[in-house]
Protein backbone atom coordinates (compact mmCIF):
# COMPACT_ATOMS: atom_id res chain seq x y z
CA MET A 1 3.54 28.95 -19.34
CA LYS A 2 1.90 25.57 -19.33
CA GLY A 3 2.72 23.12 -16.47
CA LEU A 4 5.03 20.17 -16.89
CA PRO A 5 3.52 16.92 -18.10
CA TRP A 6 2.70 14.58 -15.20
CA TRP A 7 5.34 12.01 -16.14
CA ILE A 8 8.17 14.57 -16.21
CA ALA A 9 7.06 15.93 -12.84
CA GLY A 10 6.88 12.39 -11.47
CA LEU A 11 10.37 11.63 -12.75
CA VAL A 12 11.75 14.79 -11.14
CA VAL A 13 10.12 13.88 -7.82
CA LEU A 14 11.44 10.32 -8.06
CA ILE A 15 14.99 11.56 -8.70
CA ALA A 16 14.64 13.97 -5.77
CA LEU A 17 13.50 11.16 -3.45
CA LEU A 18 16.09 8.56 -4.55
CA PRO A 19 18.71 9.38 -1.86
CA GLY A 20 16.13 9.00 0.90
CA ILE A 21 14.72 5.81 -0.61
CA TRP A 22 18.26 4.42 -0.96
CA LYS A 23 19.06 5.15 2.71
CA LEU A 24 15.80 3.52 3.76
CA VAL A 25 16.47 0.38 1.71
CA VAL A 26 20.07 0.10 2.93
CA GLY A 27 18.91 0.60 6.52
CA ILE A 28 16.25 -2.09 6.26
CA VAL A 29 18.69 -4.55 4.66
CA GLY A 30 21.34 -3.77 7.30
CA PHE A 31 18.82 -4.29 10.09
CA GLY A 32 17.81 -7.60 8.52
CA VAL A 33 21.44 -8.75 8.36
CA VAL A 34 22.02 -7.87 12.02
CA VAL A 35 18.84 -9.67 13.12
CA ASN A 36 19.75 -12.67 10.95
CA ARG A 37 23.25 -12.92 12.47
CA PHE A 38 21.87 -12.63 16.01
CA LEU A 39 19.17 -15.25 15.44
CA THR A 40 21.62 -17.58 13.68
CA ARG A 41 24.05 -17.43 16.60
CA PHE A 42 21.29 -17.74 19.20
CA ILE A 43 19.65 -20.72 17.48
CA GLY A 44 23.09 -22.26 16.91
CA LEU A 45 23.90 -21.98 20.61
CA MET A 46 20.55 -23.51 21.56
CA ASP A 47 21.00 -26.30 19.01
CA THR A 48 24.56 -27.02 20.18
CA GLY A 49 23.44 -27.06 23.80
CA SER A 50 20.66 -29.53 23.09
CA ARG A 51 22.99 -31.75 21.04
CA VAL A 52 25.59 -31.79 23.84
CA LYS A 53 22.88 -32.62 26.37
CA ALA A 54 21.65 -35.48 24.17
CA MET A 55 25.20 -36.82 23.84
CA VAL A 56 25.76 -36.65 27.61
CA ASP A 57 22.44 -38.38 28.25
CA GLU A 58 23.37 -41.11 25.76
CA LEU A 59 26.76 -41.58 27.41
CA LYS A 60 25.14 -41.83 30.85
CA GLU A 61 22.55 -44.24 29.51
CA ASN A 62 25.11 -46.55 27.91
CA GLU A 63 27.72 -46.00 30.66
CA ILE A 64 30.45 -45.40 28.14
CA ILE A 65 33.69 -44.21 29.70
CA ILE A 66 35.77 -41.85 27.60
CA GLU A 67 39.49 -42.04 28.32
CA ASP A 68 42.10 -39.49 27.39
CA SER A 69 44.60 -40.74 24.85
CA GLU A 70 47.56 -38.86 26.33
């Protein structure tokens, strides 16, 4: 019996490897989402902190008194 043509053998191997490739892709995308969320929150906290500091410095510089409206 003659061997399978190379393209049929390649297709069979590709189909056999698809579940593993799928898990790898999903894992990489999931890891990227987690890292993205962490970095977004971390950078947001740093950005918010620097903005609050700038506002406080501006208030101190201009000696603006904020009163409660109660």
